[in-house]
Amino acid sequence: MKDKCEREIKHIRLSVTEKCEYNCIYCDKEGFIPKNNELSVNEIIKLTRLLAEVLEVSRIKLTGGEPLCREEIVEIVQGIKDLGLYDDISMTTNGYLLLEKAEALHNAGLDRINVSLPSLNRESYKKITGSDGLNRVIQGIKKATQVGLIPIKINYVVLKGINDTELENMIEFSAKNNVVLQLIELHARSDAVGKQKEFYERYHVDLEEKIYELEDRAFDVKVRGTMQNRKVIFLPNGAIIEAIHPGHDFCMGCTKLRVGCDGNVFGCLYRADSGKNVKDDLQGECSVAQFRNAIKHVVHSREPYY
């Protein structure tokens, strides 16, 4: 299914809970604050089946809050896997509970993970996340590698005055541990959690020049045209860096449809208000045709908002 800008929806980003044991200073709440109770396991499985059928997608990413805080997360992964409709099931996580849950998640059908790792410095990590969990997260990343949750990508959001001097350390860490480094520029906060201009101006770092410098060092650079036109930079030391730089091109390459943990389906991080909550539809006998019309309306509401 394509939106009015001819962008085809190719994958789903589904929040399974708003709960999180962290309090990251840049958290965007996935662009959405729930208004109803979170979906049950059965509702999640039914919704993911319907979305796969009407959108013809085969990729899904589970998010939160922190998805590993959801008690039934392994059951959710297993249920989605058992549908036989998704070739790629991934998850974004802060990694705090990964050491204990990585193997069970992989056995249930999870293919790969993204782990938030904003700093390799203990104090900077605590300042950003509100947690003294750095060593635990690094252990979790290594455990995930061992059990086969690969490729692992680590999300490094650059913040002026806190972690902006750590790029070379992050590059070395990613090469040494065979993980992909996602170099992420802080984006303007979504309307759903309130615009915080002061926060953005205080911590934002324009990464464009740094990305150019990394390209000069690279032996190869590719563009993921199917993934928000991201540049993928390959360095001689074995590091792979994906540059996530918000802007018009980023939006024009977006192929995501988002689902809040309470069933709100929406098309853009910046515009959760243009979505439709389908929780009630999941209670009864909602036909595929009815569901398709509802989802089509959401898809057609998408615009390049940046």
C-alpha atoms as a PDB file:
ATOM      1  CA  MET A   1       0.000   0.000   0.000  1.00  0.00           C
ATOM      2  CA  LYS A   2       1.342   3.440  -0.969  1.00  0.00           C
ATOM      3  CA  ASP A   3       0.644   6.858   0.511  1.00  0.00           C
ATOM      4  CA  LYS A   4      -0.132   9.992  -1.491  1.00  0.00           C
ATOM      5  CA  CYS A   5       3.605  10.662  -1.854  1.00  0.00           C
ATOM      6  CA  GLU A   6       4.035   7.250  -3.519  1.00  0.00           C
ATOM      7  CA  ARG A   7       5.920   5.866  -0.528  1.00  0.00           C
ATOM      8  CA  GLU A   8       5.160   2.182  -0.042  1.00  0.00           C
ATOM      9  CA  ILE A   9       4.641   0.869   3.493  1.00  0.00           C
ATOM     10  CA  LYS A  10       7.191  -1.897   3.899  1.00  0.00           C
ATOM     11  CA  HIS A  11       7.403  -2.505   7.620  1.00  0.00           C
ATOM     12  CA  ILE A  12       5.639  -2.027  10.940  1.00  0.00           C
ATOM     13  CA  ARG A  13       6.987  -0.415  14.107  1.00  0.00           C
ATOM     14  CA  LEU A  14       4.886  -1.739  17.000  1.00  0.00           C
ATOM     15  CA  SER A  15       5.095  -0.575  20.610  1.00  0.00           C
ATOM     16  CA  VAL A  16       4.218  -3.347  23.059  1.00  0.00           C
ATOM     17  CA  THR A  17       4.343  -1.232  26.233  1.00  0.00           C
ATOM     18  CA  GLU A  18       4.914   2.292  27.495  1.00  0.00           C
ATOM     19  CA  LYS A  19       6.766   0.968  30.545  1.00  0.00           C
ATOM     20  CA  CYS A  20      10.501   1.541  30.838  1.00  0.00           C
ATOM     21  CA  GLU A  21      12.982   1.313  33.698  1.00  0.00           C
ATOM     22  CA  TYR A  22      15.046   4.083  32.109  1.00  0.00           C
ATOM     23  CA  ASN A  23      14.440   7.824  31.961  1.00  0.00           C
ATOM     24  CA  CYS A  24      16.457   8.904  28.921  1.00  0.00           C
ATOM     25  CA  ILE A  25      16.656  12.661  28.493  1.00  0.00           C
ATOM     26  CA  TYR A  26      15.931  12.488  24.750  1.00  0.00           C
ATOM     27  CA  CYS A  27      13.093   9.949  24.837  1.00  0.00           C
ATOM     28  CA  ASP A  28      10.417  10.750  22.250  1.00  0.00           C
ATOM     29  CA  LYS A  29       7.909   8.141  23.546  1.00  0.00           C
ATOM     30  CA  GLU A  30       7.833   6.749  19.987  1.00  0.00           C
ATOM     31  CA  GLY A  31       5.904   9.893  19.084  1.00  0.00           C
ATOM     32  CA  PHE A  32       2.851   8.815  21.082  1.00  0.00           C
ATOM     33  CA  ILE A  33       1.394   8.888  24.581  1.00  0.00           C
ATOM     34  CA  PRO A  34      -1.170   6.064  25.100  1.00  0.00           C
ATOM     35  CA  LYS A  35      -4.740   7.028  25.940  1.00  0.00           C
ATOM     36  CA  ASN A  36      -6.081   3.510  26.539  1.00  0.00           C
ATOM     37  CA  ASN A  37      -4.875   0.267  28.092  1.00  0.00           C
ATOM     38  CA  GLU A  38      -2.154  -1.553  26.204  1.00  0.00           C
ATOM     39  CA  LEU A  39      -3.143  -4.265  23.778  1.00  0.00           C
ATOM     40  CA  SER A  40      -3.361  -7.821  25.085  1.00  0.00           C
ATOM     41  CA  VAL A  41      -1.160 -10.519  23.614  1.00  0.00           C
ATOM     42  CA  ASN A  42      -4.078 -11.872  21.569  1.00  0.00           C
ATOM     43  CA  GLU A  43      -4.897  -8.392  20.273  1.00  0.00           C
ATOM     44  CA  ILE A  44      -1.295  -7.851  19.243  1.00  0.00           C
ATOM     45  CA  ILE A  45      -1.215 -11.141  17.342  1.00  0.00           C
ATOM     46  CA  LYS A  46      -4.530 -10.399  15.641  1.00  0.00           C
ATOM     47  CA  LEU A  47      -3.404  -6.894  14.713  1.00  0.00           C
ATOM     48  CA  THR A  48      -0.078  -8.027  13.299  1.00  0.00           C
ATOM     49  CA  ARG A  49      -1.863 -10.660  11.216  1.00  0.00           C
ATOM     50  CA  LEU A  50      -4.279  -8.089   9.797  1.00  0.00           C
ATOM     51  CA  LEU A  51      -1.506  -5.606   9.073  1.00  0.00           C
ATOM     52  CA  ALA A  52       0.516  -8.244   7.240  1.00  0.00           C
ATOM     53  CA  GLU A  53      -2.506  -9.194   5.164  1.00  0.00           C
ATOM     54  CA  VAL A  54      -3.699  -5.717   4.168  1.00  0.00           C
ATOM     55  CA  LEU A  55      -0.278  -4.109   3.720  1.00  0.00           C
ATOM     56  CA  GLU A  56       1.544  -7.182   2.413  1.00  0.00           C
ATOM     57  CA  VAL A  57       4.462  -6.452   4.703  1.00  0.00           C
ATOM     58  CA  SER A  58       6.859  -9.046   6.092  1.00  0.00           C
ATOM     59  CA  ARG A  59       8.985  -6.938   8.472  1.00  0.00           C
ATOM     60  CA  ILE A  60       8.110  -5.803  11.979  1.00  0.00           C
ATOM     61  CA  LYS A  61      10.054  -4.086  14.756  1.00  0.00           C
ATOM     62  CA  LEU A  62       8.910  -4.286  18.382  1.00  0.00           C
ATOM     63  CA  THR A  63       9.486  -1.218  20.539  1.00  0.00           C
ATOM     64  CA  GLY A  64       8.287   0.373  23.779  1.00  0.00           C
ATOM     65  CA  GLY A  65       8.787   2.131  26.114  1.00  0.00           C
ATOM     66  CA  GLU A  66      11.124  -0.753  26.726  1.00  0.00           C
ATOM     67  CA  PRO A  67       9.765  -3.953  25.123  1.00  0.00           C
ATOM     68  CA  LEU A  68      11.686  -6.205  27.502  1.00  0.00           C
ATOM     69  CA  CYS A  69       9.654  -4.726  30.365  1.00  0.00           C
ATOM     70  CA  ARG A  70       6.567  -6.385  28.890  1.00  0.00           C
ATOM     71  CA  GLU A  71       6.125  -9.586  30.911  1.00  0.00           C
ATOM     72  CA  GLU A  72       4.799 -11.533  27.930  1.00  0.00           C
ATOM     73  CA  ILE A  73       7.421 -10.318  25.425  1.00  0.00           C
ATOM     74  CA  VAL A  74       8.694 -13.810  24.587  1.00  0.00           C
ATOM     75  CA  GLU A  75       5.091 -14.976  24.090  1.00  0.00           C
ATOM     76  CA  ILE A  76       4.450 -12.005  21.799  1.00  0.00           C
ATOM     77  CA  VAL A  77       7.501 -12.771  19.675  1.00  0.00           C
ATOM     78  CA  GLN A  78       6.518 -16.442  19.475  1.00  0.00           C
ATOM     79  CA  GLY A  79       2.954 -15.552  18.488  1.00  0.00           C
ATOM     80  CA  ILE A  80       4.087 -13.260  15.667  1.00  0.00           C
ATOM     81  CA  LYS A  81       6.583 -15.861  14.476  1.00  0.00           C
ATOM     82  CA  ASP A  82       3.894 -18.572  14.464  1.00  0.00           C
ATOM     83  CA  LEU A  83       1.785 -16.502  12.064  1.00  0.00           C
ATOM     84  CA  GLY A  84       4.306 -17.376   9.365  1.00  0.00           C
ATOM     85  CA  LEU A  85       3.757 -13.955   7.775  1.00  0.00           C
ATOM     86  CA  TYR A  86       6.886 -12.086   8.896  1.00  0.00           C
ATOM     87  CA  ASP A  87      10.335 -12.870   7.525  1.00  0.00           C
ATOM     88  CA  ASP A  88      12.059 -10.331   9.749  1.00  0.00           C
ATOM     89  CA  ILE A  89      11.153  -9.749  13.412  1.00  0.00           C
ATOM     90  CA  SER A  90      13.383  -7.261  15.165  1.00  0.00           C
ATOM     91  CA  MET A  91      13.388  -5.230  18.359  1.00  0.00           C
ATOM     92  CA  THR A  92      14.776  -1.974  19.693  1.00  0.00           C
ATOM     93  CA  THR A  93      15.810  -2.124  23.348  1.00  0.00           C
ATOM     94  CA  ASN A  94      17.846  -0.317  25.963  1.00  0.00           C
ATOM     95  CA  GLY A  95      19.527  -3.668  26.587  1.00  0.00           C
ATOM     96  CA  TYR A  96      19.246  -3.681  30.370  1.00  0.00           C
ATOM     97  CA  LEU A  97      17.360  -7.009  30.467  1.00  0.00           C
ATOM     98  CA  LEU A  98      18.998  -8.459  27.373  1.00  0.00           C
ATOM     99  CA  LEU A  99      21.487 -10.672  29.186  1.00  0.00           C
ATOM    100  CA  GLU A 100      18.655 -12.664  30.797  1.00  0.00           C
ATOM    101  CA  LYS A 101      16.255 -12.706  27.850  1.00  0.00           C
ATOM    102  CA  ALA A 102      18.370 -12.858  24.679  1.00  0.00           C
ATOM    103  CA  GLU A 103      18.374 -16.633  24.303  1.00  0.00           C
ATOM    104  CA  ALA A 104      14.637 -17.057  24.957  1.00  0.00           C
ATOM    105  CA  LEU A 105      13.844 -14.269  22.484  1.00  0.00           C
ATOM    106  CA  HIS A 106      15.998 -15.837  19.797  1.00  0.00           C
ATOM    107  CA  ASN A 107      14.441 -19.255  20.374  1.00  0.00           C
ATOM    108  CA  ALA A 108      10.974 -17.677  20.103  1.00  0.00           C
ATOM    109  CA  GLY A 109      11.763 -16.221  16.692  1.00  0.00           C
ATOM    110  CA  LEU A 110      13.363 -12.813  17.174  1.00  0.00           C
ATOM    111  CA  ASP A 111      15.862 -12.251  14.374  1.00  0.00           C
ATOM    112  CA  ARG A 112      17.873  -9.186  15.368  1.00  0.00           C
ATOM    113  CA  ILE A 113      18.049  -6.215  17.723  1.00  0.00           C
ATOM    114  CA  ASN A 114      18.914  -2.552  17.984  1.00  0.00           C
ATOM    115  CA  VAL A 115      20.398  -1.552  21.334  1.00  0.00           C
ATOM    116  CA  SER A 116      20.524   2.004  22.617  1.00  0.00           C
ATOM    117  CA  LEU A 117      24.093   2.757  23.676  1.00  0.00           C
ATOM    118  CA  PRO A 118      24.506   6.526  24.017  1.00  0.00           C
ATOM    119  CA  SER A 119      27.860   6.414  25.788  1.00  0.00           C
ATOM    120  CA  LEU A 120      30.730   4.147  26.765  1.00  0.00           C
ATOM    121  CA  ASN A 121      31.489   6.389  29.736  1.00  0.00           C
ATOM    122  CA  ARG A 122      29.723   5.287  32.898  1.00  0.00           C
ATOM    123  CA  GLU A 123      28.926   8.773  34.183  1.00  0.00           C
ATOM    124  CA  SER A 124      27.770  10.080  30.802  1.00  0.00           C
ATOM    125  CA  TYR A 125      25.614   6.977  30.387  1.00  0.00           C
ATOM    126  CA  LYS A 126      23.991   7.616  33.770  1.00  0.00           C
ATOM    127  CA  LYS A 127      23.372  11.259  32.912  1.00  0.00           C
ATOM    128  CA  ILE A 128      21.649  10.366  29.643  1.00  0.00           C
ATOM    129  CA  THR A 129      19.638   7.315  30.728  1.00  0.00           C
ATOM    130  CA  GLY A 130      19.164   7.775  34.472  1.00  0.00           C
ATOM    131  CA  SER A 131      20.566   4.275  34.952  1.00  0.00           C
ATOM    132  CA  ASP A 132      23.911   2.828  36.021  1.00  0.00           C
ATOM    133  CA  GLY A 133      23.432  -0.037  33.589  1.00  0.00           C
ATOM    134  CA  LEU A 134      26.305   0.396  31.117  1.00  0.00           C
ATOM    135  CA  ASN A 135      28.247  -2.754  32.002  1.00  0.00           C
ATOM    136  CA  ARG A 136      25.067  -4.803  32.125  1.00  0.00           C
ATOM    137  CA  VAL A 137      24.055  -3.576  28.663  1.00  0.00           C
ATOM    138  CA  ILE A 138      27.471  -4.382  27.182  1.00  0.00           C
ATOM    139  CA  GLN A 139      27.189  -7.898  28.625  1.00  0.00           C
ATOM    140  CA  GLY A 140      23.742  -8.154  27.059  1.00  0.00           C
ATOM    141  CA  ILE A 141      25.101  -7.142  23.648  1.00  0.00           C
ATOM    142  CA  LYS A 142      27.759  -9.843  23.862  1.00  0.00           C
ATOM    143  CA  LYS A 143      25.168 -12.427  24.925  1.00  0.00           C
ATOM    144  CA  ALA A 144      22.896 -11.454  22.032  1.00  0.00           C
ATOM    145  CA  THR A 145      25.799 -11.963  19.638  1.00  0.00           C
ATOM    146  CA  GLN A 146      26.462 -15.407  21.080  1.00  0.00           C
ATOM    147  CA  VAL A 147      22.886 -16.616  20.676  1.00  0.00           C
ATOM    148  CA  GLY A 148      22.573 -15.282  17.119  1.00  0.00           C
ATOM    149  CA  LEU A 149      20.509 -12.083  17.379  1.00  0.00           C
ATOM    150  CA  ILE A 150      22.403 -10.546  14.476  1.00  0.00           C
ATOM    151  CA  PRO A 151      23.112  -8.149  12.969  1.00  0.00           C
ATOM    152  CA  ILE A 152      23.170  -6.087  16.146  1.00  0.00           C
ATOM    153  CA  LYS A 153      22.937  -2.336  15.715  1.00  0.00           C
ATOM    154  CA  ILE A 154      23.791   0.105  18.477  1.00  0.00           C
ATOM    155  CA  ASN A 155      22.027   3.453  18.544  1.00  0.00           C
ATOM    156  CA  TYR A 156      24.306   6.364  19.397  1.00  0.00           C
ATOM    157  CA  VAL A 157      22.367   9.637  19.659  1.00  0.00           C
ATOM    158  CA  VAL A 158      24.921  12.443  19.709  1.00  0.00           C
ATOM    159  CA  LEU A 159      24.374  15.095  22.388  1.00  0.00           C
ATOM    160  CA  LYS A 160      26.404  18.280  22.591  1.00  0.00           C
ATOM    161  CA  GLY A 161      28.426  18.560  25.781  1.00  0.00           C
ATOM    162  CA  ILE A 162      27.646  15.037  26.976  1.00  0.00           C
ATOM    163  CA  ASN A 163      28.780  12.346  24.533  1.00  0.00           C
ATOM    164  CA  ASP A 164      29.792  14.220  21.371  1.00  0.00           C
ATOM    165  CA  THR A 165      33.490  13.450  21.909  1.00  0.00           C
ATOM    166  CA  GLU A 166      32.966   9.690  21.907  1.00  0.00           C
ATOM    167  CA  LEU A 167      32.560   8.985  18.192  1.00  0.00           C
ATOM    168  CA  GLU A 168      35.993   7.389  17.729  1.00  0.00           C
ATOM    169  CA  ASN A 169      35.484   5.208  20.805  1.00  0.00           C
ATOM    170  CA  MET A 170      32.101   4.151  19.458  1.00  0.00           C
ATOM    171  CA  ILE A 171      33.625   3.307  16.086  1.00  0.00           C
ATOM    172  CA  GLU A 172      36.321   1.216  17.763  1.00  0.00           C
ATOM    173  CA  PHE A 173      33.723  -0.552  19.939  1.00  0.00           C
ATOM    174  CA  SER A 174      31.542  -1.394  16.951  1.00  0.00           C
ATOM    175  CA  ALA A 175      34.454  -2.788  14.968  1.00  0.00           C
ATOM    176  CA  LYS A 176      35.759  -4.828  17.899  1.00  0.00           C
ATOM    177  CA  ASN A 177      32.351  -6.290  18.741  1.00  0.00           C
ATOM    178  CA  ASN A 178      31.126  -6.735  15.159  1.00  0.00           C
ATOM    179  CA  VAL A 179      28.075  -4.510  15.603  1.00  0.00           C
ATOM    180  CA  VAL A 180      26.738  -1.793  13.314  1.00  0.00           C
ATOM    181  CA  LEU A 181      26.993   1.745  14.668  1.00  0.00           C
ATOM    182  CA  GLN A 182      23.918   3.877  14.025  1.00  0.00           C
ATOM    183  CA  LEU A 183      25.104   7.474  14.272  1.00  0.00           C
ATOM    184  CA  ILE A 184      21.947   9.409  15.091  1.00  0.00           C
ATOM    185  CA  GLU A 185      21.379  13.144  15.003  1.00  0.00           C
ATOM    186  CA  LEU A 186      18.980  14.451  17.624  1.00  0.00           C
ATOM    187  CA  HIS A 187      15.647  15.283  16.001  1.00  0.00           C
ATOM    188  CA  ALA A 188      13.137  17.961  16.929  1.00  0.00           C
ATOM    189  CA  ARG A 189      10.811  16.515  19.549  1.00  0.00           C
ATOM    190  CA  SER A 190       7.467  15.241  18.338  1.00  0.00           C
ATOM    191  CA  ASP A 191       4.204  17.052  19.004  1.00  0.00           C
ATOM    192  CA  ALA A 192       2.968  14.037  20.978  1.00  0.00           C
ATOM    193  CA  VAL A 193       5.322  14.724  23.887  1.00  0.00           C
ATOM    194  CA  GLY A 194       5.477  18.492  23.507  1.00  0.00           C
ATOM    195  CA  LYS A 195       8.012  20.509  21.554  1.00  0.00           C
ATOM    196  CA  GLN A 196      11.021  21.301  23.698  1.00  0.00           C
ATOM    197  CA  LYS A 197      12.948  23.894  21.719  1.00  0.00           C
ATOM    198  CA  GLU A 198      15.314  24.707  24.580  1.00  0.00           C
ATOM    199  CA  PHE A 199      16.342  21.055  24.935  1.00  0.00           C
ATOM    200  CA  TYR A 200      16.940  20.717  21.204  1.00  0.00           C
ATOM    201  CA  GLU A 201      19.018  23.893  20.966  1.00  0.00           C
ATOM    202  CA  ARG A 202      21.077  22.928  24.002  1.00  0.00           C
ATOM    203  CA  TYR A 203      22.011  19.406  22.903  1.00  0.00           C
ATOM    204  CA  HIS A 204      21.662  19.272  19.125  1.00  0.00           C
ATOM    205  CA  VAL A 205      24.772  18.568  17.041  1.00  0.00           C
ATOM    206  CA  ASP A 206      24.613  18.927  13.252  1.00  0.00           C
ATOM    207  CA  LEU A 207      26.281  15.734  12.032  1.00  0.00           C
ATOM    208  CA  GLU A 208      26.473  16.615   8.348  1.00  0.00           C
ATOM    209  CA  GLU A 209      30.145  17.654   8.430  1.00  0.00           C
ATOM    210  CA  LYS A 210      31.103  14.624  10.531  1.00  0.00           C
ATOM    211  CA  ILE A 211      29.345  12.333   8.063  1.00  0.00           C
ATOM    212  CA  TYR A 212      31.332  13.884   5.210  1.00  0.00           C
ATOM    213  CA  GLU A 213      34.553  13.275   7.174  1.00  0.00           C
ATOM    214  CA  LEU A 214      33.635   9.636   7.719  1.00  0.00           C
ATOM    215  CA  GLU A 215      32.905   9.248   4.004  1.00  0.00           C
ATOM    216  CA  ASP A 216      36.392  10.525   3.220  1.00  0.00           C
ATOM    217  CA  ARG A 217      37.840   7.788   5.461  1.00  0.00           C
ATOM    218  CA  ALA A 218      35.626   5.060   4.029  1.00  0.00           C
ATOM    219  CA  PHE A 219      36.496   2.454   1.419  1.00  0.00           C
ATOM    220  CA  ASP A 220      32.836   2.219   0.447  1.00  0.00           C
ATOM    221  CA  VAL A 221      29.636   4.212   0.955  1.00  0.00           C
ATOM    222  CA  LYS A 222      26.160   3.004   0.079  1.00  0.00           C
ATOM    223  CA  VAL A 223      22.691   4.500   0.376  1.00  0.00           C
ATOM    224  CA  ARG A 224      19.823   2.463   1.796  1.00  0.00           C
ATOM    225  CA  GLY A 225      17.185   3.881  -0.496  1.00  0.00           C
ATOM    226  CA  THR A 226      14.577   1.565   0.988  1.00  0.00           C
ATOM    227  CA  MET A 227      15.349   2.775   4.503  1.00  0.00           C
ATOM    228  CA  GLN A 228      14.941   6.549   4.660  1.00  0.00           C
ATOM    229  CA  ASN A 229      17.855   7.137   2.264  1.00  0.00           C
ATOM    230  CA  ARG A 230      20.409   6.391   4.955  1.00  0.00           C
ATOM    231  CA  LYS A 231      24.094   6.446   4.142  1.00  0.00           C
ATOM    232  CA  VAL A 232      26.002   3.316   5.138  1.00  0.00           C
ATOM    233  CA  ILE A 233      29.705   3.970   5.619  1.00  0.00           C
ATOM    234  CA  PHE A 234      32.292   1.170   5.593  1.00  0.00           C
ATOM    235  CA  LEU A 235      35.589   1.982   7.327  1.00  0.00           C
ATOM    236  CA  PRO A 236      38.928   0.183   6.873  1.00  0.00           C
ATOM    237  CA  ASN A 237      38.966  -1.040  10.495  1.00  0.00           C
ATOM    238  CA  GLY A 238      35.815  -3.077   9.847  1.00  0.00           C
ATOM    239  CA  ALA A 239      33.358  -0.632  11.374  1.00  0.00           C
ATOM    240  CA  ILE A 240      30.023  -0.129   9.615  1.00  0.00           C
ATOM    241  CA  ILE A 241      28.236   3.137  10.311  1.00  0.00           C
ATOM    242  CA  GLU A 242      24.673   4.014   9.393  1.00  0.00           C
ATOM    243  CA  ALA A 243      24.114   7.769   9.432  1.00  0.00           C
ATOM    244  CA  ILE A 244      20.638   8.853  10.515  1.00  0.00           C
ATOM    245  CA  HIS A 245      20.358  12.521   9.635  1.00  0.00           C
ATOM    246  CA  PRO A 246      16.834  14.016   9.898  1.00  0.00           C
ATOM    247  CA  GLY A 247      15.691  16.039   6.933  1.00  0.00           C
ATOM    248  CA  HIS A 248      13.544  16.110   3.817  1.00  0.00           C
ATOM    249  CA  ASP A 249      15.324  13.152   2.181  1.00  0.00           C
ATOM    250  CA  PHE A 250      14.939  11.169   5.395  1.00  0.00           C
ATOM    251  CA  CYS A 251      11.175  11.680   5.395  1.00  0.00           C
ATOM    252  CA  MET A 252      10.794  11.076   1.680  1.00  0.00           C
ATOM    253  CA  GLY A 253      12.354   7.634   2.093  1.00  0.00           C
ATOM    254  CA  CYS A 254      10.197   6.618   5.072  1.00  0.00           C
ATOM    255  CA  THR A 255       8.416   3.277   4.705  1.00  0.00           C
ATOM    256  CA  LYS A 256       7.150   2.805   8.280  1.00  0.00           C
ATOM    257  CA  LEU A 257       3.695   2.489   9.752  1.00  0.00           C
ATOM    258  CA  ARG A 258       3.629   2.918  13.530  1.00  0.00           C
ATOM    259  CA  VAL A 259       1.387   1.304  16.135  1.00  0.00           C
ATOM    260  CA  GLY A 260       1.125   2.583  19.704  1.00  0.00           C
ATOM    261  CA  CYS A 261       0.884   0.076  22.541  1.00  0.00           C
ATOM    262  CA  ASP A 262      -2.829   0.870  22.961  1.00  0.00           C
ATOM    263  CA  GLY A 263      -3.679   0.202  19.316  1.00  0.00           C
ATOM    264  CA  ASN A 264      -3.303   3.652  17.756  1.00  0.00           C
ATOM    265  CA  VAL A 265      -2.087   3.210  14.173  1.00  0.00           C
ATOM    266  CA  PHE A 266      -0.314   6.263  12.762  1.00  0.00           C
ATOM    267  CA  GLY A 267       1.990   7.131   9.926  1.00  0.00           C
ATOM    268  CA  CYS A 268       4.588   9.516  11.306  1.00  0.00           C
ATOM    269  CA  LEU A 269       6.611  10.090  14.468  1.00  0.00           C
ATOM    270  CA  TYR A 270       5.580  13.734  14.324  1.00  0.00           C
ATOM    271  CA  ARG A 271       1.851  13.229  13.800  1.00  0.00           C
ATOM    272  CA  ALA A 272       0.317  10.607  16.062  1.00  0.00           C
ATOM    273  CA  ASP A 273      -2.810  12.767  16.052  1.00  0.00           C
ATOM    274  CA  SER A 274      -3.507  11.737  12.462  1.00  0.00           C
ATOM    275  CA  GLY A 275      -3.826   8.089  13.412  1.00  0.00           C
ATOM    276  CA  LYS A 276      -6.729   5.765  14.189  1.00  0.00           C
ATOM    277  CA  ASN A 277      -7.092   3.585  17.256  1.00  0.00           C
ATOM    278  CA  VAL A 278      -8.129   0.071  16.219  1.00  0.00           C
ATOM    279  CA  LYS A 279      -8.357  -1.526  19.666  1.00  0.00           C
ATOM    280  CA  ASP A 280     -12.170  -1.685  19.555  1.00  0.00           C
ATOM    281  CA  ASP A 281     -12.039  -3.248  16.085  1.00  0.00           C
ATOM    282  CA  LEU A 282      -9.900  -6.050  17.488  1.00  0.00           C
ATOM    283  CA  GLN A 283     -12.553  -6.934  20.094  1.00  0.00           C
ATOM    284  CA  GLY A 284     -15.159  -8.065  17.578  1.00  0.00           C
ATOM    285  CA  GLU A 285     -15.380  -9.440  14.074  1.00  0.00           C
ATOM    286  CA  CYS A 286     -13.651  -6.806  12.017  1.00  0.00           C
ATOM    287  CA  SER A 287     -13.465  -7.985   8.405  1.00  0.00           C
ATOM    288  CA  VAL A 288     -10.234  -7.697   6.450  1.00  0.00           C
ATOM    289  CA  ALA A 289     -12.012  -5.310   4.060  1.00  0.00           C
ATOM    290  CA  GLN A 290     -13.113  -3.011   6.906  1.00  0.00           C
ATOM    291  CA  PHE A 291      -9.656  -3.071   8.420  1.00  0.00           C
ATOM    292  CA  ARG A 292      -8.073  -2.327   5.048  1.00  0.00           C
ATOM    293  CA  ASN A 293     -10.206   0.798   4.661  1.00  0.00           C
ATOM    294  CA  ALA A 294      -9.213   2.031   8.116  1.00  0.00           C
ATOM    295  CA  ILE A 295      -5.512   1.448   7.492  1.00  0.00           C
ATOM    296  CA  LYS A 296      -5.739   2.994   4.028  1.00  0.00           C
ATOM    297  CA  HIS A 297      -7.044   6.202   5.597  1.00  0.00           C
ATOM    298  CA  VAL A 298      -4.040   6.325   7.963  1.00  0.00           C
ATOM    299  CA  VAL A 299      -1.549   5.594   5.201  1.00  0.00           C
ATOM    300  CA  HIS A 300      -2.993   8.346   3.028  1.00  0.00           C
ATOM    301  CA  SER A 301      -2.625  10.839   5.914  1.00  0.00           C
ATOM    302  CA  ARG A 302       1.171  10.527   5.748  1.00  0.00           C
ATOM    303  CA  GLU A 303       3.158  13.545   4.607  1.00  0.00           C
ATOM    304  CA  PRO A 304       6.844  14.536   4.651  1.00  0.00           C
ATOM    305  CA  TYR A 305       6.586  16.489   7.882  1.00  0.00           C
ATOM    306  CA  TYR A 306      10.210  17.382   8.465  1.00  0.00           C
END
